[in-house]
């Protein structure tokens, strides 16, 4: 994702509830952690990770984003050293009520990835209502597909259906009954 002159936003969110954990006030220790990379004006990729820690998130960022890209994140310590690895790394400080900053021609924000999460969470809570942790990656793949093949990207309904069918070619859908 990304490339020379392109910007990629990275953020993490928490959704659902981990089976067998108690709900604790504050934080997301009892929830599933999702990391999403969104290229401004482009595609999205989401990953379900065990925890939002540097050791889990940064390998995903390194493997999926071109080094020539500008990286935008929030103030999370996960991304502290990311500036050394990419063309630039800009941070918005949500804890100080900063959500967008203008630096000349450059706009620093993570609103694109936050918008992706808004659509994702609305779909998960309003349409699907429940998602087992072992199926979360499938829901993430669906929302990534929808976002990456939207009308704003020049993909109409017919083309989107063709891309979906092309992706299913040669694959077999099986169902295993519970024992």
C-alpha atoms as a PDB file:
ATOM      1  CA  UNK A   1       0.000   0.000   0.000  1.00  0.00           C
ATOM      2  CA  UNK A   2       1.041   3.577  -0.414  1.00  0.00           C
ATOM      3  CA  UNK A   3       4.125   4.590  -2.353  1.00  0.00           C
ATOM      4  CA  UNK A   4       5.928   7.759  -3.286  1.00  0.00           C
ATOM      5  CA  UNK A   5       3.748  10.776  -2.474  1.00  0.00           C
ATOM      6  CA  UNK A   6       0.940   8.675  -0.965  1.00  0.00           C
ATOM      7  CA  UNK A   7      -0.357   8.732   2.590  1.00  0.00           C
ATOM      8  CA  UNK A   8      -1.390   5.719   4.642  1.00  0.00           C
ATOM      9  CA  UNK A   9      -3.282   6.039   7.924  1.00  0.00           C
ATOM     10  CA  UNK A  10      -2.988   3.383  10.627  1.00  0.00           C
ATOM     11  CA  UNK A  11      -5.137   2.951  13.709  1.00  0.00           C
ATOM     12  CA  UNK A  12      -6.500   0.297  16.014  1.00  0.00           C
ATOM     13  CA  UNK A  13      -9.952  -0.265  17.455  1.00  0.00           C
ATOM     14  CA  UNK A  14     -11.673  -2.696  19.766  1.00  0.00           C
ATOM     15  CA  UNK A  15     -14.885  -4.571  19.028  1.00  0.00           C
ATOM     16  CA  UNK A  16     -17.009  -7.341  20.492  1.00  0.00           C
ATOM     17  CA  UNK A  17     -15.954  -9.302  23.510  1.00  0.00           C
ATOM     18  CA  UNK A  18     -13.323 -11.962  23.971  1.00  0.00           C
ATOM     19  CA  UNK A  19     -14.895 -15.214  25.095  1.00  0.00           C
ATOM     20  CA  UNK A  20     -14.224 -15.981  28.752  1.00  0.00           C
ATOM     21  CA  UNK A  21     -13.070 -12.498  29.764  1.00  0.00           C
ATOM     22  CA  UNK A  22     -14.713 -10.199  32.236  1.00  0.00           C
ATOM     23  CA  UNK A  23     -15.687  -6.691  31.237  1.00  0.00           C
ATOM     24  CA  UNK A  24     -13.392  -4.146  32.851  1.00  0.00           C
ATOM     25  CA  UNK A  25     -13.995  -0.420  32.906  1.00  0.00           C
ATOM     26  CA  UNK A  26     -11.685   1.515  30.596  1.00  0.00           C
ATOM     27  CA  UNK A  27      -9.460  -0.001  27.960  1.00  0.00           C
ATOM     28  CA  UNK A  28     -10.168  -2.821  25.584  1.00  0.00           C
ATOM     29  CA  UNK A  29      -8.605  -5.808  27.357  1.00  0.00           C
ATOM     30  CA  UNK A  30     -11.914  -7.708  27.125  1.00  0.00           C
ATOM     31  CA  UNK A  31     -12.446  -6.932  23.418  1.00  0.00           C
ATOM     32  CA  UNK A  32     -11.061  -8.066  20.059  1.00  0.00           C
ATOM     33  CA  UNK A  33      -8.330  -5.820  18.683  1.00  0.00           C
ATOM     34  CA  UNK A  34      -8.406  -4.747  15.036  1.00  0.00           C
ATOM     35  CA  UNK A  35      -5.625  -2.871  13.208  1.00  0.00           C
ATOM     36  CA  UNK A  36      -6.499  -1.178   9.920  1.00  0.00           C
ATOM     37  CA  UNK A  37      -4.323   0.439   7.258  1.00  0.00           C
ATOM     38  CA  UNK A  38      -6.119   2.833   4.901  1.00  0.00           C
ATOM     39  CA  UNK A  39      -4.485   4.543   1.940  1.00  0.00           C
ATOM     40  CA  UNK A  40      -6.041   7.960   1.413  1.00  0.00           C
ATOM     41  CA  UNK A  41      -8.170   7.748  -1.705  1.00  0.00           C
ATOM     42  CA  UNK A  42      -7.387   4.045  -1.973  1.00  0.00           C
ATOM     43  CA  UNK A  43      -7.699   0.654  -0.385  1.00  0.00           C
ATOM     44  CA  UNK A  44      -8.061  -0.672   3.169  1.00  0.00           C
ATOM     45  CA  UNK A  45      -6.556  -3.714   4.909  1.00  0.00           C
ATOM     46  CA  UNK A  46      -7.613  -4.882   8.350  1.00  0.00           C
ATOM     47  CA  UNK A  47      -6.057  -7.406  10.703  1.00  0.00           C
ATOM     48  CA  UNK A  48      -7.278  -9.074  13.866  1.00  0.00           C
ATOM     49  CA  UNK A  49      -4.414  -9.105  16.388  1.00  0.00           C
ATOM     50  CA  UNK A  50      -4.122 -10.481  19.911  1.00  0.00           C
ATOM     51  CA  UNK A  51      -3.225  -7.145  21.473  1.00  0.00           C
ATOM     52  CA  UNK A  52      -2.377  -3.640  20.301  1.00  0.00           C
ATOM     53  CA  UNK A  53       1.322  -3.830  21.086  1.00  0.00           C
ATOM     54  CA  UNK A  54       4.300  -2.760  19.041  1.00  0.00           C
ATOM     55  CA  UNK A  55       5.396  -6.393  18.552  1.00  0.00           C
ATOM     56  CA  UNK A  56       2.035  -7.295  16.977  1.00  0.00           C
ATOM     57  CA  UNK A  57       1.272  -4.149  14.992  1.00  0.00           C
ATOM     58  CA  UNK A  58       4.587  -2.961  13.544  1.00  0.00           C
ATOM     59  CA  UNK A  59       5.326  -6.184  11.591  1.00  0.00           C
ATOM     60  CA  UNK A  60       1.945  -5.709   9.861  1.00  0.00           C
ATOM     61  CA  UNK A  61       2.733  -2.056   9.112  1.00  0.00           C
ATOM     62  CA  UNK A  62       6.205  -2.930   7.749  1.00  0.00           C
ATOM     63  CA  UNK A  63       4.918  -5.792   5.578  1.00  0.00           C
ATOM     64  CA  UNK A  64       2.031  -3.846   4.015  1.00  0.00           C
ATOM     65  CA  UNK A  65       3.145  -0.241   3.566  1.00  0.00           C
ATOM     66  CA  UNK A  66       5.767   0.961   1.080  1.00  0.00           C
ATOM     67  CA  UNK A  67       8.694   2.725   2.758  1.00  0.00           C
ATOM     68  CA  UNK A  68       8.222   5.781   0.477  1.00  0.00           C
ATOM     69  CA  UNK A  69       4.796   6.451   2.029  1.00  0.00           C
ATOM     70  CA  UNK A  70       3.823   9.156   4.480  1.00  0.00           C
ATOM     71  CA  UNK A  71       2.455   7.514   7.626  1.00  0.00           C
ATOM     72  CA  UNK A  72      -0.294   9.093   9.755  1.00  0.00           C
ATOM     73  CA  UNK A  73      -1.151   7.748  13.210  1.00  0.00           C
ATOM     74  CA  UNK A  74      -2.488   8.873  16.540  1.00  0.00           C
ATOM     75  CA  UNK A  75      -0.241   9.360  19.572  1.00  0.00           C
ATOM     76  CA  UNK A  76      -0.195   5.666  20.520  1.00  0.00           C
ATOM     77  CA  UNK A  77       3.259   4.471  21.607  1.00  0.00           C
ATOM     78  CA  UNK A  78       2.946   1.551  19.195  1.00  0.00           C
ATOM     79  CA  UNK A  79       4.074   3.816  16.348  1.00  0.00           C
ATOM     80  CA  UNK A  80       6.789   5.706  18.246  1.00  0.00           C
ATOM     81  CA  UNK A  81       9.693   4.492  16.081  1.00  0.00           C
ATOM     82  CA  UNK A  82       7.754   4.322  12.794  1.00  0.00           C
ATOM     83  CA  UNK A  83       9.103   7.673  11.615  1.00  0.00           C
ATOM     84  CA  UNK A  84      12.533   6.136  11.125  1.00  0.00           C
ATOM     85  CA  UNK A  85      11.170   3.562   8.683  1.00  0.00           C
ATOM     86  CA  UNK A  86       8.936   5.644   6.391  1.00  0.00           C
ATOM     87  CA  UNK A  87       9.269   8.811   4.308  1.00  0.00           C
ATOM     88  CA  UNK A  88       7.517  10.719   7.083  1.00  0.00           C
ATOM     89  CA  UNK A  89       5.451  10.028  10.161  1.00  0.00           C
ATOM     90  CA  UNK A  90       2.929  12.558  11.424  1.00  0.00           C
ATOM     91  CA  UNK A  91       0.908  12.203  14.611  1.00  0.00           C
ATOM     92  CA  UNK A  92      -2.385  13.684  15.780  1.00  0.00           C
ATOM     93  CA  UNK A  93      -2.810  13.966  19.528  1.00  0.00           C
ATOM     94  CA  UNK A  94      -6.391  12.994  20.290  1.00  0.00           C
ATOM     95  CA  UNK A  95      -5.775  13.335  24.043  1.00  0.00           C
ATOM     96  CA  UNK A  96      -5.289  17.088  23.477  1.00  0.00           C
ATOM     97  CA  UNK A  97      -8.438  17.310  21.314  1.00  0.00           C
ATOM     98  CA  UNK A  98      -6.391  17.467  18.119  1.00  0.00           C
ATOM     99  CA  UNK A  99      -8.064  15.680  15.226  1.00  0.00           C
ATOM    100  CA  UNK A 100      -6.674  17.550  12.228  1.00  0.00           C
ATOM    101  CA  UNK A 101      -3.693  19.813  11.713  1.00  0.00           C
ATOM    102  CA  UNK A 102      -2.780  21.823   8.629  1.00  0.00           C
ATOM    103  CA  UNK A 103       0.905  22.152   7.815  1.00  0.00           C
ATOM    104  CA  UNK A 104       1.026  24.130   4.592  1.00  0.00           C
ATOM    105  CA  UNK A 105      -0.242  21.850   1.828  1.00  0.00           C
ATOM    106  CA  UNK A 106      -0.162  18.794   4.111  1.00  0.00           C
ATOM    107  CA  UNK A 107      -3.172  17.795   6.200  1.00  0.00           C
ATOM    108  CA  UNK A 108      -2.363  15.642   9.233  1.00  0.00           C
ATOM    109  CA  UNK A 109      -5.263  13.455  10.428  1.00  0.00           C
ATOM    110  CA  UNK A 110      -6.487   9.905  10.854  1.00  0.00           C
ATOM    111  CA  UNK A 111     -10.055  10.721   9.841  1.00  0.00           C
ATOM    112  CA  UNK A 112     -10.000   8.338   6.866  1.00  0.00           C
ATOM    113  CA  UNK A 113      -9.302   5.266   8.987  1.00  0.00           C
ATOM    114  CA  UNK A 114     -11.720   6.533  11.664  1.00  0.00           C
ATOM    115  CA  UNK A 115     -14.384   6.770   8.933  1.00  0.00           C
ATOM    116  CA  UNK A 116     -13.645   3.181   7.928  1.00  0.00           C
ATOM    117  CA  UNK A 117     -14.164   2.104  11.541  1.00  0.00           C
ATOM    118  CA  UNK A 118     -17.441   4.022  11.677  1.00  0.00           C
ATOM    119  CA  UNK A 119     -18.785   2.046   8.712  1.00  0.00           C
ATOM    120  CA  UNK A 120     -17.373  -1.238  10.064  1.00  0.00           C
ATOM    121  CA  UNK A 121     -18.808  -0.840  13.555  1.00  0.00           C
ATOM    122  CA  UNK A 122     -22.191   0.341  12.269  1.00  0.00           C
ATOM    123  CA  UNK A 123     -22.362  -2.775  10.108  1.00  0.00           C
ATOM    124  CA  UNK A 124     -21.251  -5.099  12.880  1.00  0.00           C
ATOM    125  CA  UNK A 125     -23.670  -3.713  15.469  1.00  0.00           C
ATOM    126  CA  UNK A 126     -26.594  -2.920  13.198  1.00  0.00           C
ATOM    127  CA  UNK A 127     -26.558  -5.678  10.591  1.00  0.00           C
ATOM    128  CA  UNK A 128     -24.604  -8.663  11.881  1.00  0.00           C
ATOM    129  CA  UNK A 129     -25.087  -8.000  15.633  1.00  0.00           C
ATOM    130  CA  UNK A 130     -22.804 -10.866  16.691  1.00  0.00           C
ATOM    131  CA  UNK A 131     -19.476 -12.152  15.477  1.00  0.00           C
ATOM    132  CA  UNK A 132     -17.499 -14.964  17.048  1.00  0.00           C
ATOM    133  CA  UNK A 133     -13.802 -14.178  17.388  1.00  0.00           C
ATOM    134  CA  UNK A 134     -12.783 -17.017  15.062  1.00  0.00           C
ATOM    135  CA  UNK A 135     -14.893 -15.464  12.269  1.00  0.00           C
ATOM    136  CA  UNK A 136     -13.805 -11.836  12.770  1.00  0.00           C
ATOM    137  CA  UNK A 137     -11.186 -12.039   9.994  1.00  0.00           C
ATOM    138  CA  UNK A 138     -13.953 -12.909   7.515  1.00  0.00           C
ATOM    139  CA  UNK A 139     -16.031  -9.868   8.443  1.00  0.00           C
ATOM    140  CA  UNK A 140     -12.917  -7.683   8.224  1.00  0.00           C
ATOM    141  CA  UNK A 141     -12.201  -9.063   4.747  1.00  0.00           C
ATOM    142  CA  UNK A 142     -15.763  -8.241   3.669  1.00  0.00           C
ATOM    143  CA  UNK A 143     -15.570  -4.637   4.877  1.00  0.00           C
ATOM    144  CA  UNK A 144     -12.093  -4.236   3.355  1.00  0.00           C
ATOM    145  CA  UNK A 145     -13.505  -5.475   0.029  1.00  0.00           C
ATOM    146  CA  UNK A 146     -16.461  -3.090   0.193  1.00  0.00           C
ATOM    147  CA  UNK A 147     -14.238  -0.121   1.033  1.00  0.00           C
ATOM    148  CA  UNK A 148     -11.603  -0.963  -1.572  1.00  0.00           C
ATOM    149  CA  UNK A 149     -14.205  -1.472  -4.306  1.00  0.00           C
ATOM    150  CA  UNK A 150     -16.512   1.475  -3.694  1.00  0.00           C
ATOM    151  CA  UNK A 151     -18.002   3.893  -6.200  1.00  0.00           C
ATOM    152  CA  UNK A 152     -15.483   6.585  -5.191  1.00  0.00           C
ATOM    153  CA  UNK A 153     -12.793   4.209  -6.510  1.00  0.00           C
ATOM    154  CA  UNK A 154     -14.617   3.967  -9.856  1.00  0.00           C
ATOM    155  CA  UNK A 155     -16.110   0.530  -9.162  1.00  0.00           C
ATOM    156  CA  UNK A 156     -19.811   0.198  -9.989  1.00  0.00           C
ATOM    157  CA  UNK A 157     -22.135  -2.594  -8.808  1.00  0.00           C
ATOM    158  CA  UNK A 158     -21.588  -4.790 -11.871  1.00  0.00           C
ATOM    159  CA  UNK A 159     -17.816  -4.516 -11.673  1.00  0.00           C
ATOM    160  CA  UNK A 160     -17.884  -5.193  -7.925  1.00  0.00           C
ATOM    161  CA  UNK A 161     -19.972  -8.348  -8.497  1.00  0.00           C
ATOM    162  CA  UNK A 162     -17.546  -9.470 -11.220  1.00  0.00           C
ATOM    163  CA  UNK A 163     -14.550  -8.946  -8.895  1.00  0.00           C
ATOM    164  CA  UNK A 164     -16.287 -10.917  -6.133  1.00  0.00           C
ATOM    165  CA  UNK A 165     -17.106 -13.820  -8.460  1.00  0.00           C
ATOM    166  CA  UNK A 166     -13.587 -13.785  -9.891  1.00  0.00           C
ATOM    167  CA  UNK A 167     -12.244 -14.065  -6.329  1.00  0.00           C
ATOM    168  CA  UNK A 168     -14.389 -17.155  -5.735  1.00  0.00           C
ATOM    169  CA  UNK A 169     -13.171 -18.973  -8.869  1.00  0.00           C
ATOM    170  CA  UNK A 170     -11.508 -22.287  -8.064  1.00  0.00           C
ATOM    171  CA  UNK A 171     -12.483 -22.164  -4.390  1.00  0.00           C
ATOM    172  CA  UNK A 172     -14.820 -24.576  -2.738  1.00  0.00           C
ATOM    173  CA  UNK A 173     -17.188 -23.593   0.029  1.00  0.00           C
ATOM    174  CA  UNK A 174     -17.594 -26.360   2.573  1.00  0.00           C
ATOM    175  CA  UNK A 175     -19.621 -26.576   5.719  1.00  0.00           C
ATOM    176  CA  UNK A 176     -18.607 -28.724   8.635  1.00  0.00           C
ATOM    177  CA  UNK A 177     -21.409 -29.762  10.924  1.00  0.00           C
ATOM    178  CA  UNK A 178     -20.679 -29.553  14.641  1.00  0.00           C
ATOM    179  CA  UNK A 179     -19.795 -32.939  16.104  1.00  0.00           C
END
